[in-house]
Amino acid sequence: MPPLSTFNDLDDSEYMKLVNNYKDNWSLRDESLKYCESDIKALHEILASFSKEIFNEYNLNITKHPTASSLAMGIFRGHHLDEDKSRIPLLKGHIHSEIRKAFYGGAVETYIPCIKKGYHYDVNSLFPAAMKGDMPVGNYTYTTEQDLNKVFGFSYVRVETPLNLKVPLLPYRDEDKILYPVGTWYGMYYTEILKDVVKYGYKITIIYSVNFEKQDLFSGYVDKLYEIKANSTGSRRAMAKLLLNSLYGRFGLKEIIDKTAIVSKEKAEEIYALYEVKEAYPLKDGYELIVYSIKPDLDNIQVLEYKKEAAKILSGLELGFNDYNSSIAIAAAITANAQRMMFKYKMIPGNPMVATDTDSGIFEKPLPDHMIGPELGKMKLEQIFSEGYFLAPKLYGYIKENGKTKVVAKGVGSNLSYDQIISLYNSDVPVEVLKEIWSKVLIIE
């Protein structure tokens, strides 16, 4: 048997039971195989149960949908989308890139670094709630209309904030960083989030807008699955939760997707000639593992024969991309709606938000009763704590009611203690944290 020091959370008596049970017959190989076999059996049972739930509810075979998001899309299109009436905007090229600038995730911010007592709340299914209501649909038109209330879609604007704003609301993309600044800047935003921030003192000047029609696309999908989630247990509840949270991200897929393939030497040469290759690894028997963009690199192709072939492929992509599996306008509207839903929690008079992480909020005082409940989009109390330090986004800790501590530290996890959080708050002296990192290595023989 391995020594006791190699086990986690195992006391002396439990260890001695293992020693007496195995005596001198313990084998790392046998135990690893036994664990892997049990793990595979458990996974098979889970998938079989999930498959049955999906087939009984939607008459769909999950093996035809390799990811949760593709399954959610199949259910939405097959049971909730009238494709004759619903005109999801199919955006490509420049307009896709332009509206993608308005595509932001949830806010992860800290506003008050230390409190003596606090309340940690989470929103019930924030992004599914944000999917309900009007979405941008139909053909788009450009307009220079200056009245924000007369446009619906996306506007490129000049933003000016109140300089005394303690909880900034609008995000700003500074190269690869997302900031929530005060001051003045220009940016592309969903019109409905702009209408909301005006109520909090923001001044918005429209440069131009991309105007859409309105249609409620997702309420039926969301309401049915949330009802199943709220009134079910076990695998059925898990199914509903998974499908609720898997659809909206599908609409934000990038227009050009990378593909990974194992190909022969001849096929590899063709890929090198036609596409931008991101990664390539030689394998046995002349095969290669290649990661490449599915859009041909037309500008850099020199051979005329390949240039003609690339043009055909590009033409096919233009036609093939016209399905309802992706629409950046829909994705940007949903994520903006999620941020909008958090505004009412961030701007409570007399109870300012201490910190937020997308769908959660920390407060010094309890929220009013009308903001709490099991309904979609309302808050639920996760924890009351006696002391908390909120140093930076995803870097905080607090003492729970039961005396135990909770620490969140992105990148180091449980390797950072609550005492170290306090040390970081009280001084500028760095805290050293050791973290064991495992990596995968491709071995080529």
Protein backbone atom coordinates (compact mmCIF):
# COMPACT_ATOMS: atom_id res chain seq x y z
CA MET A 1 0.00 0.00 0.00
CA PRO A 2 1.16 3.56 -0.64
CA PRO A 3 1.94 5.52 2.56
CA LEU A 4 -0.84 7.39 4.35
CA SER A 5 0.70 10.74 3.35
CA THR A 6 -0.22 10.11 -0.30
CA PHE A 7 -3.99 10.06 0.45
CA ASN A 8 -6.32 13.03 0.85
CA ASP A 9 -8.90 13.15 3.67
CA LEU A 10 -8.14 9.63 4.96
CA ASP A 11 -7.70 9.08 8.71
CA ASP A 12 -5.56 6.39 10.39
CA SER A 13 -8.39 3.91 10.99
CA GLU A 14 -9.63 4.06 7.39
CA TYR A 15 -6.08 3.65 6.14
CA MET A 16 -5.51 0.55 8.31
CA LYS A 17 -8.72 -1.00 6.92
CA LEU A 18 -7.26 -0.63 3.43
CA VAL A 19 -3.95 -2.12 4.54
CA ASN A 20 -5.66 -5.14 6.09
CA ASN A 21 -7.93 -5.57 3.09
CA TYR A 22 -5.21 -5.48 0.44
CA LYS A 23 -2.28 -6.82 2.49
CA ASP A 24 0.48 -7.17 -0.13
CA ASN A 25 -1.83 -7.40 -3.16
CA TRP A 26 -2.38 -3.69 -3.89
CA SER A 27 -1.66 -2.71 -7.51
CA LEU A 28 -1.76 0.82 -8.92
CA ARG A 29 -2.50 -0.59 -12.37
CA ASP A 30 -5.40 -2.74 -11.18
CA GLU A 31 -6.90 0.04 -9.09
CA SER A 32 -6.61 2.52 -11.97
CA LEU A 33 -8.29 0.12 -14.38
CA LYS A 34 -11.05 -0.59 -11.87
CA TYR A 35 -11.62 3.17 -11.43
CA CYS A 36 -11.69 3.79 -15.19
CA GLU A 37 -14.14 0.93 -15.74
CA SER A 38 -16.49 2.22 -13.03
CA ASP A 39 -16.21 5.74 -14.45
CA ILE A 40 -17.14 4.57 -17.97
CA LYS A 41 -20.10 2.55 -16.67
CA ALA A 42 -21.39 5.54 -14.71
CA LEU A 43 -21.02 7.81 -17.76
CA HIS A 44 -22.87 5.27 -19.93
CA GLU A 45 -25.77 5.16 -17.45
CA ILE A 46 -25.94 8.97 -17.38
CA LEU A 47 -25.94 9.23 -21.19
CA ALA A 48 -28.54 6.47 -21.52
CA SER A 49 -30.83 8.23 -19.04
CA PHE A 50 -30.29 11.59 -20.75
CA SER A 51 -30.92 10.07 -24.18
CA LYS A 52 -34.20 8.59 -22.99
CA GLU A 53 -35.35 11.91 -21.51
CA ILE A 54 -34.59 13.77 -24.75
CA PHE A 55 -36.27 11.17 -26.96
CA ASN A 56 -39.40 11.00 -24.81
CA GLU A 57 -39.69 14.79 -24.63
CA TYR A 58 -38.59 15.83 -28.14
CA ASN A 59 -38.35 12.67 -30.29
CA LEU A 60 -34.67 13.45 -31.02
CA ASN A 61 -31.67 11.11 -31.13
CA ILE A 62 -28.83 12.72 -29.17
CA THR A 63 -26.21 10.90 -31.28
CA LYS A 64 -27.18 13.22 -34.16
CA HIS A 65 -26.18 16.24 -32.04
CA PRO A 66 -22.57 15.96 -30.79
CA THR A 67 -22.67 18.98 -28.44
CA ALA A 68 -25.16 20.34 -25.93
CA SER A 69 -25.51 23.58 -27.92
CA SER A 70 -26.28 21.73 -31.18
CA LEU A 71 -28.88 19.63 -29.34
CA ALA A 72 -30.46 22.77 -27.89
CA MET A 73 -30.53 24.31 -31.37
CA GLY A 74 -32.18 21.17 -32.78
CA ILE A 75 -34.90 21.33 -30.12
CA PHE A 76 -35.43 25.06 -30.64
CA ARG A 77 -35.69 24.78 -34.41
CA GLY A 78 -37.79 21.63 -34.35
CA HIS A 79 -40.28 22.62 -31.65
CA HIS A 80 -40.27 26.39 -31.12
CA LEU A 81 -39.17 28.15 -34.31
CA ASP A 82 -41.56 28.84 -37.15
CA GLU A 83 -39.00 29.25 -39.91
CA ASP A 84 -41.62 30.69 -42.28
CA LYS A 85 -42.38 33.58 -39.90
CA SER A 86 -39.18 33.96 -37.90
CA ARG A 87 -36.53 35.92 -39.78
CA ILE A 88 -33.36 35.49 -37.78
CA PRO A 89 -30.77 37.90 -39.22
CA LEU A 90 -28.05 36.01 -41.09
CA LEU A 91 -25.07 38.31 -40.91
CA LYS A 92 -21.75 37.81 -42.66
CA GLY A 93 -18.65 39.78 -43.53
CA HIS A 94 -18.41 43.42 -42.50
CA ILE A 95 -21.79 43.66 -40.74
CA HIS A 96 -20.98 40.52 -38.71
CA SER A 97 -17.67 42.05 -37.58
CA GLU A 98 -19.32 45.39 -36.87
CA ILE A 99 -22.06 44.00 -34.60
CA ARG A 100 -19.64 41.60 -32.90
CA LYS A 101 -18.09 44.73 -31.33
CA ALA A 102 -21.32 45.00 -29.28
CA PHE A 103 -21.01 41.39 -28.06
CA TYR A 104 -19.92 41.46 -24.39
CA GLY A 105 -20.10 38.87 -21.64
CA GLY A 106 -21.27 39.46 -18.09
CA ALA A 107 -19.72 42.03 -15.78
CA VAL A 108 -17.13 40.79 -13.27
CA GLU A 109 -16.27 43.74 -11.03
CA THR A 110 -15.54 44.78 -7.45
CA TYR A 111 -16.67 48.13 -6.03
CA ILE A 112 -16.10 47.98 -2.24
CA PRO A 113 -12.99 46.10 -1.03
CA CYS A 114 -14.00 45.19 2.53
CA ILE A 115 -17.27 44.79 4.47
CA LYS A 116 -18.02 43.46 7.94
CA LYS A 117 -21.27 41.68 7.05
CA GLY A 118 -22.73 40.76 3.71
CA TYR A 119 -25.20 38.83 1.59
CA HIS A 120 -24.32 36.76 -1.48
CA TYR A 121 -27.12 36.36 -4.06
CA ASP A 122 -27.37 34.60 -7.43
CA VAL A 123 -29.88 35.26 -10.23
CA ASN A 124 -32.15 32.40 -11.25
CA SER A 125 -31.10 31.52 -14.83
CA LEU A 126 -29.89 34.98 -15.85
CA PHE A 127 -29.14 34.31 -19.53
CA PRO A 128 -32.29 32.27 -20.21
CA ALA A 129 -34.26 35.14 -18.64
CA ALA A 130 -32.39 37.55 -20.92
CA MET A 131 -33.55 35.56 -23.96
CA LYS A 132 -37.19 36.46 -23.39
CA GLY A 133 -38.73 39.45 -25.14
CA ASP A 134 -38.02 41.17 -28.42
CA MET A 135 -34.94 40.22 -30.44
CA PRO A 136 -33.48 41.93 -33.54
CA VAL A 137 -34.84 40.14 -36.62
CA GLY A 138 -35.42 40.69 -40.32
CA ASN A 139 -33.40 42.76 -42.75
CA TYR A 140 -31.23 45.51 -41.31
CA THR A 141 -30.98 49.12 -42.46
CA TYR A 142 -28.46 51.84 -41.66
CA THR A 143 -29.80 55.10 -40.24
CA THR A 144 -28.49 58.36 -38.77
CA GLU A 145 -31.65 58.86 -36.69
CA GLN A 146 -30.64 60.79 -33.54
CA ASP A 147 -33.60 59.83 -31.35
CA LEU A 148 -32.53 56.70 -29.49
CA ASN A 149 -36.16 55.76 -28.83
CA LYS A 150 -36.81 55.50 -32.57
CA VAL A 151 -34.18 52.84 -33.29
CA PHE A 152 -33.91 49.17 -32.33
CA GLY A 153 -30.75 47.27 -33.01
CA PHE A 154 -27.18 48.48 -32.62
CA SER A 155 -25.77 51.99 -32.50
CA TYR A 156 -22.26 53.36 -32.82
CA VAL A 157 -22.27 56.17 -30.27
CA ARG A 158 -20.32 58.67 -28.25
CA VAL A 159 -20.65 57.84 -24.55
CA GLU A 160 -20.23 60.36 -21.74
CA THR A 161 -20.68 59.16 -18.14
CA PRO A 162 -21.24 61.09 -14.91
CA LEU A 163 -17.75 61.50 -13.42
CA ASN A 164 -19.01 60.63 -9.91
CA LEU A 165 -20.47 57.28 -11.02
CA LYS A 166 -19.56 54.65 -8.40
CA VAL A 167 -20.88 51.62 -10.31
CA PRO A 168 -20.18 52.05 -14.06
CA LEU A 169 -22.64 50.15 -16.25
CA LEU A 170 -21.40 50.14 -19.85
CA PRO A 171 -18.43 47.94 -20.86
CA TYR A 172 -15.62 49.15 -23.10
CA ARG A 173 -13.26 46.90 -25.05
CA ASP A 174 -9.66 48.09 -24.85
CA GLU A 175 -7.88 45.66 -27.18
CA ASP A 176 -8.07 42.35 -25.27
CA LYS A 177 -9.38 43.85 -22.00
CA ILE A 178 -12.96 44.63 -20.96
CA LEU A 179 -13.22 47.72 -18.78
CA TYR A 180 -16.12 49.50 -17.06
CA PRO A 181 -14.85 53.08 -17.19
CA VAL A 182 -16.06 56.58 -16.45
CA GLY A 183 -15.35 59.36 -18.91
CA THR A 184 -15.93 59.67 -22.66
CA TRP A 185 -15.43 57.17 -25.48
CA TYR A 186 -16.94 55.76 -28.67
CA GLY A 187 -18.35 52.27 -29.15
CA MET A 188 -20.97 49.96 -30.66
CA TYR A 189 -23.80 48.89 -28.34
CA TYR A 190 -27.23 47.27 -28.34
CA THR A 191 -29.77 50.11 -28.40
CA GLU A 192 -31.80 48.78 -25.46
CA ILE A 193 -28.85 48.88 -23.07
CA LEU A 194 -28.17 52.47 -24.18
CA LYS A 195 -31.77 53.42 -23.39
CA ASP A 196 -31.33 52.01 -19.89
CA VAL A 197 -28.03 53.73 -19.02
CA VAL A 198 -29.50 57.11 -19.98
CA LYS A 199 -31.72 56.71 -16.88
CA TYR A 200 -28.56 56.69 -14.74
CA GLY A 201 -27.07 59.89 -16.15
CA TYR A 202 -25.18 58.64 -19.22
CA LYS A 203 -25.22 60.97 -22.24
CA ILE A 204 -25.46 59.11 -25.56
CA THR A 205 -24.84 60.74 -28.94
CA ILE A 206 -25.67 58.53 -31.93
CA ILE A 207 -23.23 58.52 -34.84
CA TYR A 208 -25.19 55.91 -36.82
CA SER A 209 -27.36 52.85 -36.13
CA VAL A 210 -28.05 49.44 -37.64
CA ASN A 211 -31.82 49.15 -37.34
CA PHE A 212 -33.76 45.84 -37.11
CA GLU A 213 -37.34 44.69 -36.72
CA LYS A 214 -38.54 43.11 -33.44
CA GLN A 215 -39.78 39.62 -32.60
CA ASP A 216 -40.00 37.45 -29.50
CA LEU A 217 -38.19 34.25 -30.49
CA PHE A 218 -37.38 32.36 -27.32
CA SER A 219 -40.11 32.80 -24.69
CA GLY A 220 -41.79 29.50 -25.53
CA TYR A 221 -38.50 27.60 -25.39
CA VAL A 222 -37.39 29.22 -22.12
CA ASP A 223 -40.76 29.02 -20.33
CA LYS A 224 -41.22 25.30 -21.03
CA LEU A 225 -37.72 24.30 -19.95
CA TYR A 226 -37.78 26.49 -16.84
CA GLU A 227 -41.09 24.93 -15.82
CA ILE A 228 -39.53 21.46 -16.20
CA LYS A 229 -36.48 22.54 -14.19
CA ALA A 230 -38.59 24.08 -11.41
CA ASN A 231 -40.87 21.05 -11.05
CA SER A 232 -38.49 18.14 -11.62
CA THR A 233 -35.62 16.33 -9.95
CA GLY A 234 -32.76 14.09 -11.06
CA SER A 235 -31.94 13.63 -14.72
CA ARG A 236 -35.03 15.44 -15.96
CA ARG A 237 -34.11 18.59 -14.03
CA ALA A 238 -30.49 18.29 -15.21
CA MET A 239 -31.69 17.99 -18.81
CA ALA A 240 -33.78 21.16 -18.56
CA LYS A 241 -30.97 23.13 -16.92
CA LEU A 242 -28.46 22.04 -19.56
CA LEU A 243 -30.74 22.96 -22.46
CA LEU A 244 -31.66 26.31 -20.90
CA ASN A 245 -28.02 27.35 -20.73
CA SER A 246 -26.79 25.86 -24.01
CA LEU A 247 -28.78 27.67 -26.71
CA TYR A 248 -27.82 31.34 -26.50
CA GLY A 249 -24.08 30.77 -26.92
CA ARG A 250 -24.71 28.96 -30.19
CA PHE A 251 -25.83 32.21 -31.81
CA GLY A 252 -22.49 33.82 -31.02
CA LEU A 253 -20.39 31.42 -33.08
CA LYS A 254 -17.73 33.13 -35.13
CA GLU A 255 -18.35 33.30 -38.84
CA ILE A 256 -15.18 31.35 -39.64
CA ILE A 257 -14.48 28.23 -37.63
CA ASP A 258 -11.30 26.20 -37.37
CA LYS A 259 -11.37 22.52 -38.26
CA THR A 260 -9.18 19.72 -36.90
CA ALA A 261 -8.55 16.66 -39.05
CA ILE A 262 -6.21 13.69 -39.44
CA VAL A 263 -5.39 13.45 -43.14
CA SER A 264 -3.10 11.69 -45.57
CA LYS A 265 0.04 13.33 -46.93
CA GLU A 266 -1.72 14.10 -50.24
CA LYS A 267 -4.73 15.70 -48.53
CA ALA A 268 -2.39 17.66 -46.23
CA GLU A 269 -0.66 19.20 -49.26
CA GLU A 270 -4.03 20.32 -50.61
CA ILE A 271 -4.97 21.89 -47.26
CA TYR A 272 -1.64 23.73 -47.09
CA ALA A 273 -2.29 25.13 -50.57
CA LEU A 274 -5.88 26.27 -49.90
CA TYR A 275 -6.23 27.20 -46.25
CA GLU A 276 -4.55 29.01 -43.39
CA VAL A 277 -3.05 26.22 -41.27
CA LYS A 278 -2.94 27.03 -37.53
CA GLU A 279 -1.24 23.85 -36.25
CA ALA A 280 0.20 20.69 -37.78
CA TYR A 281 1.72 17.53 -36.28
CA PRO A 282 3.20 14.57 -38.20
CA LEU A 283 1.80 11.15 -37.29
CA LYS A 284 2.63 7.57 -38.22
CA ASP A 285 2.29 6.11 -41.73
CA GLY A 286 2.48 9.50 -43.46
CA TYR A 287 -0.61 11.02 -41.79
CA GLU A 288 -0.81 14.49 -40.25
CA LEU A 289 -2.96 16.13 -37.58
CA ILE A 290 -3.88 19.58 -38.94
CA VAL A 291 -5.85 22.51 -37.51
CA TYR A 292 -6.94 24.97 -40.21
CA SER A 293 -9.50 27.66 -41.01
CA ILE A 294 -12.42 26.39 -43.09
CA LYS A 295 -12.30 29.62 -45.14
CA PRO A 296 -9.73 29.43 -47.97
CA ASP A 297 -6.92 31.99 -47.81
CA LEU A 298 -7.67 33.38 -51.30
CA ASP A 299 -5.29 36.35 -51.15
CA ASN A 300 -2.25 34.18 -50.49
CA ILE A 301 -2.94 31.39 -53.01
CA GLN A 302 -0.49 31.54 -55.92
CA VAL A 303 -1.43 28.55 -58.09
CA LEU A 304 -4.31 29.33 -60.48
CA GLU A 305 -5.86 25.86 -60.16
CA TYR A 306 -6.03 26.19 -56.38
CA LYS A 307 -7.31 29.77 -56.66
CA LYS A 308 -10.29 28.56 -58.73
CA GLU A 309 -10.97 25.78 -56.24
CA ALA A 310 -10.81 28.26 -53.36
CA ALA A 311 -13.34 30.52 -55.08
CA LYS A 312 -15.77 27.59 -55.39
CA ILE A 313 -15.34 26.73 -51.71
CA LEU A 314 -15.90 30.35 -50.69
CA SER A 315 -19.07 30.48 -52.78
CA GLY A 316 -20.33 27.35 -51.04
CA LEU A 317 -19.54 28.83 -47.63
CA GLU A 318 -21.53 31.95 -48.46
CA LEU A 319 -24.54 29.78 -49.28
CA GLY A 320 -24.02 27.28 -46.49
CA PHE A 321 -23.69 29.88 -43.76
CA ASN A 322 -27.27 30.97 -44.38
CA ASP A 323 -28.88 28.83 -41.72
CA TYR A 324 -30.28 29.64 -38.29
CA ASN A 325 -27.38 28.18 -36.33
CA SER A 326 -25.60 31.48 -35.83
CA SER A 327 -26.58 35.14 -35.59
CA ILE A 328 -24.31 37.60 -33.84
CA ALA A 329 -27.15 40.13 -33.54
CA ILE A 330 -29.17 37.65 -31.44
CA ALA A 331 -26.16 36.74 -29.27
CA ALA A 332 -25.21 40.38 -28.65
CA ALA A 333 -28.80 41.27 -27.75
CA ILE A 334 -29.05 38.41 -25.23
CA THR A 335 -25.79 39.22 -23.44
CA ALA A 336 -26.72 42.93 -23.35
CA ASN A 337 -30.11 42.02 -21.88
CA ALA A 338 -28.35 40.00 -19.17
CA GLN A 339 -26.31 43.06 -18.22
CA ARG A 340 -29.45 45.19 -18.26
CA MET A 341 -31.18 42.82 -15.85
CA MET A 342 -28.33 43.31 -13.36
CA PHE A 343 -28.70 47.13 -13.41
CA LYS A 344 -31.63 47.14 -10.98
CA TYR A 345 -29.53 45.18 -8.47
CA LYS A 346 -26.43 47.35 -8.95
CA MET A 347 -28.20 50.65 -8.42
CA ILE A 348 -30.30 50.07 -5.28
CA PRO A 349 -30.40 53.31 -3.23
CA GLY A 350 -28.81 52.80 0.20
CA ASN A 351 -27.56 49.28 -0.61
CA PRO A 352 -24.77 49.58 -3.18
CA MET A 353 -23.44 46.43 -4.77
CA VAL A 354 -20.08 45.38 -3.30
CA ALA A 355 -19.03 43.00 -6.10
CA THR A 356 -20.52 41.09 -9.02
CA ASP A 357 -19.60 38.04 -11.06
CA THR A 358 -21.89 37.90 -14.13
CA ASP A 359 -25.08 36.56 -12.48
CA SER A 360 -24.30 37.13 -8.80
CA GLY A 361 -24.10 40.08 -6.44
CA ILE A 362 -22.63 40.84 -3.02
CA PHE A 363 -24.47 43.36 -0.81
CA GLU A 364 -24.06 44.83 2.67
CA LYS A 365 -27.80 44.60 3.35
CA PRO A 366 -30.45 42.04 2.40
CA LEU A 367 -32.37 42.65 -0.82
CA PRO A 368 -36.04 43.66 -0.67
CA ASP A 369 -38.55 40.82 -0.82
CA HIS A 370 -39.86 41.71 -4.29
CA MET A 371 -36.40 41.04 -5.78
CA ILE A 372 -36.14 37.54 -4.30
CA GLY A 373 -37.97 34.38 -5.33
CA PRO A 374 -37.91 31.22 -7.43
CA GLU A 375 -39.09 33.01 -10.56
CA LEU A 376 -36.91 33.36 -13.63
CA GLY A 377 -34.59 36.36 -13.34
CA LYS A 378 -35.09 36.94 -9.60
CA MET A 379 -32.40 36.57 -6.96
CA LYS A 380 -31.90 33.69 -4.51
CA LEU A 381 -29.83 33.99 -1.33
CA GLU A 382 -26.70 31.83 -1.49
CA GLN A 383 -24.87 32.86 1.67
CA ILE A 384 -24.84 35.27 4.60
CA PHE A 385 -21.32 36.04 5.79
CA SER A 386 -19.75 37.91 8.72
CA GLU A 387 -16.70 39.40 7.01
CA GLY A 388 -15.52 39.69 3.44
CA TYR A 389 -12.68 41.04 1.30
CA PHE A 390 -13.22 41.74 -2.40
CA LEU A 391 -9.87 42.67 -3.88
CA ALA A 392 -10.36 42.27 -7.63
CA PRO A 393 -12.59 40.45 -10.12
CA LYS A 394 -12.64 36.75 -9.16
CA LEU A 395 -10.34 37.40 -6.19
CA TYR A 396 -12.24 37.48 -2.91
CA GLY A 397 -12.98 35.65 0.30
CA TYR A 398 -15.44 35.70 3.19
CA ILE A 399 -16.36 33.92 6.43
CA LYS A 400 -19.64 31.98 6.21
CA GLU A 401 -22.26 31.83 8.96
CA ASN A 402 -20.97 28.39 10.00
CA GLY A 403 -17.47 29.79 10.51
CA LYS A 404 -15.98 28.20 7.40
CA THR A 405 -14.31 30.35 4.79
CA LYS A 406 -14.92 30.70 1.08
CA VAL A 407 -12.09 31.84 -1.19
CA VAL A 408 -12.30 32.50 -4.93
CA ALA A 409 -8.99 33.13 -6.66
CA LYS A 410 -8.92 32.69 -10.41
CA GLY A 411 -5.84 30.82 -11.52
CA VAL A 412 -4.83 29.43 -8.11
CA GLY A 413 -8.14 28.23 -6.64
CA SER A 414 -7.96 26.61 -3.21
CA ASN A 415 -4.20 27.18 -3.03
CA LEU A 416 -4.91 30.67 -1.68
CA SER A 417 -6.09 30.84 1.94
CA TYR A 418 -8.44 33.33 3.56
CA ASP A 419 -5.55 34.63 5.70
CA GLN A 420 -3.61 35.34 2.51
CA ILE A 421 -6.62 37.28 1.13
CA ILE A 422 -6.48 39.46 4.27
CA SER A 423 -2.72 39.89 3.87
CA LEU A 424 -3.20 41.08 0.30
CA TYR A 425 -5.77 43.60 1.51
CA ASN A 426 -3.63 44.93 4.36
CA SER A 427 -0.33 45.33 2.50
CA ASP A 428 1.33 45.61 -0.88
CA VAL A 429 3.56 42.61 -0.15
CA PRO A 430 3.02 39.84 -2.74
CA VAL A 431 1.71 36.48 -1.54
CA GLU A 432 3.50 33.44 -2.93
CA VAL A 433 1.21 30.60 -4.00
CA LEU A 434 2.44 27.27 -5.31
CA LYS A 435 0.27 25.49 -7.83
CA GLU A 436 0.87 22.11 -9.45
CA ILE A 437 0.19 22.32 -13.19
CA TRP A 438 -0.42 19.33 -15.43
CA SER A 439 -0.10 19.56 -19.19
CA LYS A 440 -0.76 17.31 -22.15
CA VAL A 441 2.13 16.40 -24.41
CA LEU A 442 1.79 14.93 -27.90
CA ILE A 443 4.40 12.19 -28.24
CA ILE A 444 5.28 11.38 -31.83
CA GLU A 445 7.16 8.13 -32.36
